[in-house]
């Protein structure tokens, strides 16, 4: 008769957290009659304490009606979160958002209360694996997904865009910490690659495209949305479009550059 070996505490907690992630995905079915409003950026979208002119219009369209915005800055080092919050607060106030607060200002129950009360959510950039691990540990992954599919405008830049995708697969970040699972929010039916080199940067572009195509050889069932710096894709009212910058959709054996303003049907599959 086989003897059961107790799991080490770290392994047990990771396994339990992964189970919670799966339950969160299955429970967060879209609200009837409501279309999620999702925005992703390839990063480098700010100029000081303002959003770059090229993204201001789409950011205002997405977040301009928000009265209370919750910032998720887990990807930023704890020593830098106050400064990042101040920059983003100033930038969002330029768009007309009166109240902007980061979750790091509150304890865990307070952070949950803020996510439930906020009528907009923005996930900042930094270290993708640190961000995902904290979202899993706190249960905020399932809660943010629940709020987003209920129609609360949600957006993310760089690492924040990565977690809006289906899973973490083509991030540019090192795995600086362990995660329970690479499954992410699943608000877009793709894996995301931010900071994709522009097509004019021929050598860098060729290397990045080759790495993504190599990833898809081993993961042919996945699709990758690649976004350049200051590029923005917005899903709203059931249609996704490239609103700024350059973007590409990669699939096994083929890829294409997105055209600004033209619908991207690959991004509106059912994800609930």
Foldseek 3Di string as FASTA:
>chain_A
DDDDDDDDPVLVLLQVLVVLLVVLQVVQAFDPPAAFKEKEALAPQDDFLAGDPLCLVVVLVQCLVWAAEEEEEQQDPPVCVVVVQVSPCSHVVVSVHHHYDYLVVDDLVVSLVSLVPTLAYEYEDHALLSSQQVCSNSVVQSSNLNSRSHHRRYYYYQSGNQQLDQFADAHPHDNPDDHSGRGHNHNWDAGEYHQQDDVVVPVSNVVSVVVVLVSCVVVQVGKYKYHHHSWMWIQDPQWIFTRGHKIKIDHHPDIDIGDGPDTDVNGRDRRD
